[in-house]
C-alpha atoms as a PDB file:
ATOM      1  CA  LYS A   1       4.724 -28.440 157.174  1.00  0.00           C
ATOM      2  CA  LEU A   2       8.449 -28.473 156.790  1.00  0.00           C
ATOM      3  CA  SER A   3       8.196 -30.491 153.637  1.00  0.00           C
ATOM      4  CA  ASP A   4       5.550 -28.100 152.347  1.00  0.00           C
ATOM      5  CA  LYS A   5       7.899 -25.254 153.112  1.00  0.00           C
ATOM      6  CA  SER A   6      10.799 -26.965 151.419  1.00  0.00           C
ATOM      7  CA  THR A   7       8.605 -27.748 148.425  1.00  0.00           C
ATOM      8  CA  ALA A   8       7.493 -24.151 148.341  1.00  0.00           C
ATOM      9  CA  VAL A   9      11.125 -22.961 148.606  1.00  0.00           C
ATOM     10  CA  GLU A  10      12.127 -25.421 145.909  1.00  0.00           C
ATOM     11  CA  SER A  11       9.263 -24.271 143.776  1.00  0.00           C
ATOM     12  CA  GLU A  12      10.132 -20.664 144.415  1.00  0.00           C
ATOM     13  CA  SER A  13      13.794 -21.252 143.671  1.00  0.00           C
ATOM     14  CA  LYS A  14      12.858 -23.094 140.451  1.00  0.00           C
ATOM     15  CA  GLY A  15      10.606 -20.173 139.528  1.00  0.00           C
ATOM     16  CA  THR A  16      13.380 -17.730 140.333  1.00  0.00           C
ATOM     17  CA  ALA A  17      15.883 -19.786 138.370  1.00  0.00           C
ATOM     18  CA  ALA A  18      13.446 -19.964 135.447  1.00  0.00           C
ATOM     19  CA  SER A  19      12.799 -16.264 135.776  1.00  0.00           C
ATOM     20  CA  GLN A  20      16.520 -15.557 135.915  1.00  0.00           C
ATOM     21  CA  GLU A  21      17.055 -17.779 132.857  1.00  0.00           C
ATOM     22  CA  ALA A  22      14.286 -15.965 130.973  1.00  0.00           C
ATOM     23  CA  THR A  23      15.765 -12.621 131.978  1.00  0.00           C
ATOM     24  CA  LYS A  24      19.191 -13.804 130.895  1.00  0.00           C
ATOM     25  CA  GLN A  25      17.806 -14.974 127.535  1.00  0.00           C
ATOM     26  CA  GLU A  26      15.952 -11.682 127.079  1.00  0.00           C
ATOM     27  CA  ARG A  27      19.147  -9.734 127.824  1.00  0.00           C
ATOM     28  CA  GLN A  28      21.076 -11.887 125.330  1.00  0.00           C
ATOM     29  CA  ARG A  29      18.331 -11.380 122.707  1.00  0.00           C
ATOM     30  CA  GLN A  30      18.426  -7.610 123.269  1.00  0.00           C
ATOM     31  CA  LYS A  31      22.234  -7.651 123.128  1.00  0.00           C
ATOM     32  CA  ASN A  32      22.097  -9.568 119.814  1.00  0.00           C
ATOM     33  CA  GLN A  33      19.534  -7.098 118.458  1.00  0.00           C
ATOM     34  CA  ARG A  34      21.768  -4.156 119.450  1.00  0.00           C
ATOM     35  CA  ARG A  35      24.728  -5.835 117.736  1.00  0.00           C
ATOM     36  CA  LYS A  36      22.644  -6.435 114.589  1.00  0.00           C
ATOM     37  CA  GLU A  37      21.466  -2.833 114.671  1.00  0.00           C
ATOM     38  CA  LEU A  38      25.049  -1.579 115.124  1.00  0.00           C
ATOM     39  CA  ARG A  39      26.262  -3.716 112.187  1.00  0.00           C
ATOM     40  CA  ARG A  40      23.363  -2.432 110.061  1.00  0.00           C
ATOM     41  CA  LEU A  41      24.158   1.176 111.035  1.00  0.00           C
ATOM     42  CA  LYS A  42      27.871   0.681 110.274  1.00  0.00           C
ATOM     43  CA  LYS A  43      27.009  -0.812 106.865  1.00  0.00           C
ATOM     44  CA  GLN A  44      24.640   2.068 106.192  1.00  0.00           C
ATOM     45  CA  ALA A  45      27.298   4.606 107.258  1.00  0.00           C
ATOM     46  CA  LYS A  46      29.863   2.982 104.944  1.00  0.00           C
ATOM     47  CA  ALA A  47      27.362   2.965 102.062  1.00  0.00           C
ATOM     48  CA  ASP A  48      26.518   6.628 102.741  1.00  0.00           C
ATOM     49  CA  GLU A  49      30.213   7.470 102.856  1.00  0.00           C
ATOM     50  CA  ARG A  50      30.846   5.709  99.529  1.00  0.00           C
ATOM     51  CA  GLN A  51      27.869   7.494  97.977  1.00  0.00           C
ATOM     52  CA  ALA A  52      29.108  10.837  99.317  1.00  0.00           C
ATOM     53  CA  THR A  53      32.576  10.117  97.879  1.00  0.00           C
ATOM     54  CA  VAL A  54      31.098   9.224  94.484  1.00  0.00           C
ATOM     55  CA  GLN A  55      28.949  12.359  94.523  1.00  0.00           C
ATOM     56  CA  GLN A  56      31.968  14.470  95.492  1.00  0.00           C
ATOM     57  CA  GLN A  57      34.011  12.958  92.658  1.00  0.00           C
ATOM     58  CA  GLN A  58      31.173  13.619  90.211  1.00  0.00           C
ATOM     59  CA  GLN A  59      30.898  17.213  91.414  1.00  0.00           C
ATOM     60  CA  GLU A  60      34.655  17.701  91.039  1.00  0.00           C
ATOM     61  CA  GLN A  61      34.532  16.199  87.544  1.00  0.00           C
ATOM     62  CA  GLU A  62      31.608  18.451  86.586  1.00  0.00           C
ATOM     63  CA  LYS A  63      33.493  21.447  88.010  1.00  0.00           C
ATOM     64  CA  LYS A  64      36.566  20.564  85.932  1.00  0.00           C
ATOM     65  CA  GLN A  65      34.404  20.190  82.822  1.00  0.00           C
ATOM     66  CA  ARG A  66      32.784  23.580  83.473  1.00  0.00           C
ATOM     67  CA  GLU A  67      36.218  25.156  83.943  1.00  0.00           C
ATOM     68  CA  LEU A  68      37.486  23.567  80.720  1.00  0.00           C
ATOM     69  CA  LEU A  69      34.395  24.772  78.878  1.00  0.00           C
ATOM     70  CA  LYS A  70      34.859  28.300  80.254  1.00  0.00           C
ATOM     71  CA  LYS A  71      38.522  28.235  79.271  1.00  0.00           C
ATOM     72  CA  LYS A  72      37.643  26.998  75.768  1.00  0.00           C
ATOM     73  CA  GLU A  73      34.953  29.673  75.394  1.00  0.00           C
ATOM     74  CA  ALA A  74      37.430  32.340  76.545  1.00  0.00           C
ATOM     75  CA  GLU A  75      39.980  31.124  73.984  1.00  0.00           C
ATOM     76  CA  GLU A  76      37.346  31.144  71.221  1.00  0.00           C
ATOM     77  CA  LYS A  77      36.280  34.653  72.231  1.00  0.00           C
ATOM     78  CA  LYS A  78      39.908  35.769  72.188  1.00  0.00           C
ATOM     79  CA  LYS A  79      40.412  34.250  68.718  1.00  0.00           C
ATOM     80  CA  LYS A  80      37.271  35.961  67.425  1.00  0.00           C
ATOM     81  CA  GLN A  81      38.420  39.280  68.872  1.00  0.00           C
ATOM     82  CA  LEU A  82      41.849  38.818  67.293  1.00  0.00           C
ATOM     83  CA  VAL A  83      40.322  38.086  63.892  1.00  0.00           C
ATOM     84  CA  ALA A  84      37.887  40.981  64.310  1.00  0.00           C
ATOM     85  CA  SER A  85      40.757  43.314  65.190  1.00  0.00           C
ATOM     86  CA  GLN A  86      42.569  42.356  62.016  1.00  0.00           C
ATOM     87  CA  GLN A  87      41.284  44.337  59.092  1.00  0.00           C
ATOM     88  CA  PHE A  88      41.284  43.506  55.426  1.00  0.00           C
ATOM     89  CA  VAL A  89      43.258  45.889  53.242  1.00  0.00           C
ATOM     90  CA  THR A  90      41.671  46.744  49.890  1.00  0.00           C
ATOM     91  CA  VAL A  91      44.045  47.063  46.954  1.00  0.00           C
ATOM     92  CA  ARG A  92      43.697  47.300  43.169  1.00  0.00           C
ATOM     93  CA  SER A  93      40.564  45.870  41.430  1.00  0.00           C
ATOM     94  CA  GLY A  94      38.756  45.463  44.757  1.00  0.00           C
ATOM     95  CA  VAL A  95      41.032  42.665  45.947  1.00  0.00           C
ATOM     96  CA  GLN A  96      41.239  42.499  49.756  1.00  0.00           C
ATOM     97  CA  TYR A  97      43.861  40.780  51.877  1.00  0.00           C
ATOM     98  CA  MET A  98      44.598  40.227  55.542  1.00  0.00           C
ATOM     99  CA  ASP A  99      47.850  38.796  56.896  1.00  0.00           C
ATOM    100  CA  VAL A 100      46.924  36.195  59.481  1.00  0.00           C
ATOM    101  CA  GLN A 101      50.555  35.292  60.060  1.00  0.00           C
ATOM    102  CA  VAL A 102      53.461  37.297  58.727  1.00  0.00           C
ATOM    103  CA  GLY A 103      56.213  35.041  57.396  1.00  0.00           C
ATOM    104  CA  ARG A 104      59.892  35.337  58.284  1.00  0.00           C
ATOM    105  CA  GLY A 105      61.276  34.366  54.905  1.00  0.00           C
ATOM    106  CA  PRO A 106      62.025  36.446  51.800  1.00  0.00           C
ATOM    107  CA  VAL A 107      59.397  38.667  50.169  1.00  0.00           C
ATOM    108  CA  VAL A 108      57.807  37.448  46.917  1.00  0.00           C
ATOM    109  CA  GLN A 109      59.194  39.031  43.758  1.00  0.00           C
ATOM    110  CA  GLU A 110      57.518  39.757  40.426  1.00  0.00           C
ATOM    111  CA  ARG A 111      58.001  37.112  37.750  1.00  0.00           C
ATOM    112  CA  LYS A 112      59.623  34.651  40.174  1.00  0.00           C
ATOM    113  CA  LYS A 113      58.257  31.160  40.799  1.00  0.00           C
ATOM    114  CA  ILE A 114      56.417  30.733  44.106  1.00  0.00           C
ATOM    115  CA  HIS A 115      54.798  27.715  45.770  1.00  0.00           C
ATOM    116  CA  VAL A 116      51.706  28.000  47.934  1.00  0.00           C
ATOM    117  CA  GLU A 117      49.273  25.894  49.900  1.00  0.00           C
ATOM    118  CA  TYR A 118      45.721  27.183  49.521  1.00  0.00           C
ATOM    119  CA  THR A 119      42.047  26.558  50.168  1.00  0.00           C
ATOM    120  CA  LEU A 120      39.347  28.235  48.088  1.00  0.00           C
ATOM    121  CA  ARG A 121      36.010  28.748  49.812  1.00  0.00           C
ATOM    122  CA  ALA A 122      32.718  30.098  48.577  1.00  0.00           C
ATOM    123  CA  LYS A 123      32.024  33.694  49.628  1.00  0.00           C
ATOM    124  CA  THR A 124      33.307  33.644  53.255  1.00  0.00           C
ATOM    125  CA  ARG A 125      35.900  32.147  55.535  1.00  0.00           C
ATOM    126  CA  TYR A 126      33.349  29.529  56.588  1.00  0.00           C
ATOM    127  CA  GLY A 127      31.903  28.796  53.138  1.00  0.00           C
ATOM    128  CA  LYS A 128      32.106  25.405  51.478  1.00  0.00           C
ATOM    129  CA  VAL A 129      35.491  24.337  50.123  1.00  0.00           C
ATOM    130  CA  LEU A 130      35.611  24.620  46.334  1.00  0.00           C
ATOM    131  CA  ASP A 131      39.266  23.782  45.714  1.00  0.00           C
ATOM    132  CA  SER A 132      42.542  23.268  47.561  1.00  0.00           C
ATOM    133  CA  SER A 133      46.158  22.328  46.981  1.00  0.00           C
ATOM    134  CA  SER A 134      49.084  21.573  49.263  1.00  0.00           C
ATOM    135  CA  ASN A 135      51.788  22.644  46.765  1.00  0.00           C
ATOM    136  CA  PHE A 136      50.701  24.859  43.888  1.00  0.00           C
ATOM    137  CA  GLY A 137      53.385  26.694  41.901  1.00  0.00           C
ATOM    138  CA  PHE A 138      53.201  29.688  39.526  1.00  0.00           C
ATOM    139  CA  ARG A 139      55.138  32.800  38.502  1.00  0.00           C
ATOM    140  CA  LEU A 140      53.834  35.927  40.187  1.00  0.00           C
ATOM    141  CA  GLY A 141      52.702  38.738  37.856  1.00  0.00           C
ATOM    142  CA  ARG A 142      52.868  36.658  34.633  1.00  0.00           C
ATOM    143  CA  GLY A 143      49.126  36.037  34.269  1.00  0.00           C
ATOM    144  CA  GLU A 144      49.472  32.307  35.055  1.00  0.00           C
ATOM    145  CA  VAL A 145      46.742  32.621  37.698  1.00  0.00           C
ATOM    146  CA  ILE A 146      43.709  34.870  38.178  1.00  0.00           C
ATOM    147  CA  GLU A 147      44.501  38.562  38.473  1.00  0.00           C
ATOM    148  CA  GLY A 148      43.374  38.629  42.126  1.00  0.00           C
ATOM    149  CA  TRP A 149      46.231  36.315  43.094  1.00  0.00           C
ATOM    150  CA  ASP A 150      48.841  38.391  41.264  1.00  0.00           C
ATOM    151  CA  ILE A 151      47.543  41.468  43.093  1.00  0.00           C
ATOM    152  CA  GLY A 152      46.867  39.891  46.509  1.00  0.00           C
ATOM    153  CA  MET A 153      50.160  38.019  46.893  1.00  0.00           C
ATOM    154  CA  LYS A 154      52.390  41.093  46.509  1.00  0.00           C
ATOM    155  CA  GLY A 155      54.443  41.926  49.586  1.00  0.00           C
ATOM    156  CA  MET A 156      53.914  38.533  51.210  1.00  0.00           C
ATOM    157  CA  ARG A 157      56.812  36.752  52.946  1.00  0.00           C
ATOM    158  CA  ALA A 158      57.626  33.027  52.802  1.00  0.00           C
ATOM    159  CA  GLY A 159      56.040  31.162  55.722  1.00  0.00           C
ATOM    160  CA  GLY A 160      53.221  33.690  55.962  1.00  0.00           C
ATOM    161  CA  VAL A 161      49.481  33.010  55.864  1.00  0.00           C
ATOM    162  CA  ARG A 162      47.149  35.444  54.101  1.00  0.00           C
ATOM    163  CA  HIS A 163      43.427  35.554  53.481  1.00  0.00           C
ATOM    164  CA  LEU A 164      42.310  36.954  50.136  1.00  0.00           C
ATOM    165  CA  ILE A 165      38.856  38.090  49.075  1.00  0.00           C
ATOM    166  CA  ILE A 166      38.745  38.319  45.293  1.00  0.00           C
ATOM    167  CA  PRO A 167      35.767  39.933  43.545  1.00  0.00           C
ATOM    168  CA  LYS A 168      34.527  38.670  40.181  1.00  0.00           C
ATOM    169  CA  ARG A 169      36.381  41.344  38.162  1.00  0.00           C
ATOM    170  CA  ALA A 170      39.747  40.046  39.489  1.00  0.00           C
ATOM    171  CA  GLY A 171      38.624  36.407  39.579  1.00  0.00           C
ATOM    172  CA  TYR A 172      36.622  34.307  37.152  1.00  0.00           C
ATOM    173  CA  GLY A 173      34.148  36.981  36.051  1.00  0.00           C
ATOM    174  CA  ASN A 174      30.573  35.725  35.771  1.00  0.00           C
ATOM    175  CA  ARG A 175      31.618  32.073  35.446  1.00  0.00           C
ATOM    176  CA  ASN A 176      30.205  29.740  38.067  1.00  0.00           C
ATOM    177  CA  ILE A 177      33.013  27.696  39.635  1.00  0.00           C
ATOM    178  CA  GLY A 178      30.815  26.373  42.443  1.00  0.00           C
ATOM    179  CA  ALA A 179      30.061  29.490  44.459  1.00  0.00           C
ATOM    180  CA  GLY A 180      27.482  30.872  42.024  1.00  0.00           C
ATOM    181  CA  PRO A 181      27.947  33.092  38.971  1.00  0.00           C
ATOM    182  CA  GLY A 182      30.128  36.119  39.726  1.00  0.00           C
ATOM    183  CA  ALA A 183      30.531  35.294  43.436  1.00  0.00           C
ATOM    184  CA  ASP A 184      33.388  36.626  45.557  1.00  0.00           C
ATOM    185  CA  LEU A 185      36.099  34.059  46.239  1.00  0.00           C
ATOM    186  CA  TYR A 186      37.711  33.564  49.642  1.00  0.00           C
ATOM    187  CA  PHE A 187      41.242  32.110  49.630  1.00  0.00           C
ATOM    188  CA  GLU A 188      43.349  31.016  52.580  1.00  0.00           C
ATOM    189  CA  VAL A 189      46.932  31.018  51.263  1.00  0.00           C
ATOM    190  CA  LYS A 190      50.177  29.927  52.890  1.00  0.00           C
ATOM    191  CA  LEU A 191      53.356  30.912  51.039  1.00  0.00           C
ATOM    192  CA  LEU A 192      55.652  27.886  51.149  1.00  0.00           C
ATOM    193  CA  GLN A 193      58.585  29.260  49.149  1.00  0.00           C
ATOM    194  CA  CYS A 194      59.558  32.053  46.811  1.00  0.00           C
END
């Protein structure tokens, strides 16, 4: 009976040892799973953080672009208001002028040679360009240019910029120079020297 008891104790202790080993292995497996899960969660948290940072940077960039666009629109609106506030002055033969920038140099004088930079547009400030020059010279009031220029350039100072609207009677009459027969001509003129 003693040997049966010792066999039973041995058997029980082997079973307990096996059970303890299985429990130990199960604990280790669970511990490894928790570690894997923690590493996965840390990776996911880092990825989420990077994505949040990228999204935040994109939002900041979009905000800056919106602010720049608003600023640009405000500047354009201000320019339009400035141009709208400036009025054309009508002088002889229906010629109209508007000083966009008043020069600081001497005033043009009749029969004296002047040099200008100009752009001729069809009908309006935004019409197609028909002609331009970066250094065109003539004597004011001598009939060397169309009458509208002789009339519209009077009183201008060197360095100034002036817009001229010249009707057909002070321009090229009914001739078609690209804007249509008898069309109004729109000049942007900068007085370089006089």
